[in-house]
């Protein structure tokens, strides 16, 4: 009985393999083309995300550098005023 079940299972597996090998080559190529297209789209979206993140990072660094330069200039102006004793605004 077990031997008959094993043989039936093997026969069924062979039928599945035969059906898969009898598919039209154009169907297989179409499937592969779709898979490749999906992969390329996924990579393109990933690259766009990376580029967007890099651009945001560069913009943040530029803002930080500008703020730092403004703070340095403000500090220098304050130091000059303190050095010359002009703590009151001019009239």
Protein backbone atom coordinates (compact mmCIF):
# COMPACT_ATOMS: atom_id res chain seq x y z
CA UNK A 1 0.00 0.00 0.00
CA UNK A 2 2.77 2.45 0.94
CA UNK A 3 4.64 1.50 -2.21
CA UNK A 4 1.58 2.39 -4.33
CA UNK A 5 1.26 5.77 -2.60
CA UNK A 6 4.95 6.51 -3.20
CA UNK A 7 4.59 5.55 -6.86
CA UNK A 8 1.48 7.77 -7.20
CA UNK A 9 3.38 10.66 -5.64
CA UNK A 10 6.30 10.12 -8.02
CA UNK A 11 3.94 9.94 -10.99
CA UNK A 12 2.31 13.20 -9.91
CA UNK A 13 5.72 14.89 -9.56
CA UNK A 14 6.67 13.73 -13.03
CA UNK A 15 3.42 15.15 -14.41
CA UNK A 16 4.19 18.54 -12.84
CA UNK A 17 7.71 18.50 -14.32
CA UNK A 18 6.36 17.52 -17.73
CA UNK A 19 3.74 20.26 -17.64
CA UNK A 20 6.35 22.86 -16.68
CA UNK A 21 8.72 21.77 -19.43
CA UNK A 22 5.93 21.87 -22.03
CA UNK A 23 5.24 25.57 -21.45
CA UNK A 24 5.81 27.88 -24.33
CA UNK A 25 9.29 29.45 -24.32
CA UNK A 26 7.70 32.84 -24.85
CA UNK A 27 5.78 32.42 -21.57
CA UNK A 28 9.02 31.68 -19.72
CA UNK A 29 10.78 34.62 -21.39
CA UNK A 30 7.88 36.90 -20.57
CA UNK A 31 8.00 35.85 -16.94
CA UNK A 32 11.75 36.46 -16.78
CA UNK A 33 11.36 39.83 -18.50
CA UNK A 34 8.75 40.83 -15.92
CA UNK A 35 11.01 39.71 -13.06
CA UNK A 36 13.95 41.66 -14.51
CA UNK A 37 11.77 44.72 -15.02
CA UNK A 38 10.54 44.56 -11.44
CA UNK A 39 14.11 44.21 -10.15
CA UNK A 40 15.29 47.20 -12.17
CA UNK A 41 12.38 49.30 -10.90
CA UNK A 42 13.15 48.32 -7.32
CA UNK A 43 16.83 49.22 -7.75
CA UNK A 44 15.91 52.54 -9.38
CA UNK A 45 13.61 53.43 -6.48
CA UNK A 46 16.36 52.50 -4.03
CA UNK A 47 18.90 54.64 -5.89
CA UNK A 48 16.46 57.56 -5.93
CA UNK A 49 15.95 57.20 -2.17
CA UNK A 50 19.70 57.16 -1.58
CA UNK A 51 20.19 60.22 -3.78
CA UNK A 52 17.38 62.06 -2.01
CA UNK A 53 18.88 61.24 1.36
CA UNK A 54 22.32 62.38 0.23
CA UNK A 55 20.89 65.65 -1.08
CA UNK A 56 19.07 66.25 2.21
CA UNK A 57 22.26 65.51 4.12
CA UNK A 58 24.29 67.93 2.00
CA UNK A 59 21.63 70.62 2.42
CA UNK A 60 21.69 70.08 6.20
CA UNK A 61 25.47 70.35 6.29
CA UNK A 62 25.32 73.57 4.24
CA UNK A 63 22.73 75.05 6.61
CA UNK A 64 24.87 74.08 9.59
CA UNK A 65 27.97 75.61 8.03
CA UNK A 66 26.10 78.83 7.24
CA UNK A 67 24.79 79.05 10.79
CA UNK A 68 28.26 78.36 12.14
CA UNK A 69 29.79 81.08 9.97
CA UNK A 70 27.09 83.53 11.08
CA UNK A 71 27.75 82.69 14.73
CA UNK A 72 31.50 83.14 14.28
CA UNK A 73 30.93 86.52 12.60
CA UNK A 74 28.58 87.60 15.37
CA UNK A 75 31.09 86.52 18.01
CA UNK A 76 33.89 88.39 16.23
CA UNK A 77 31.77 91.53 16.04
CA UNK A 78 31.04 91.24 19.75
CA UNK A 79 34.73 90.79 20.51
CA UNK A 80 35.64 93.89 18.53
CA UNK A 81 32.95 95.91 20.32
CA UNK A 82 34.18 94.70 23.71
CA UNK A 83 37.78 95.46 22.82
CA UNK A 84 37.01 99.06 21.94
CA UNK A 85 34.52 99.50 24.76
CA UNK A 86 31.54 100.30 22.56
CA UNK A 87 28.84 98.48 24.44
CA UNK A 88 26.19 101.07 23.72
CA UNK A 89 24.65 101.47 20.31
CA UNK A 90 25.67 104.57 18.32
CA UNK A 91 23.24 107.42 18.03
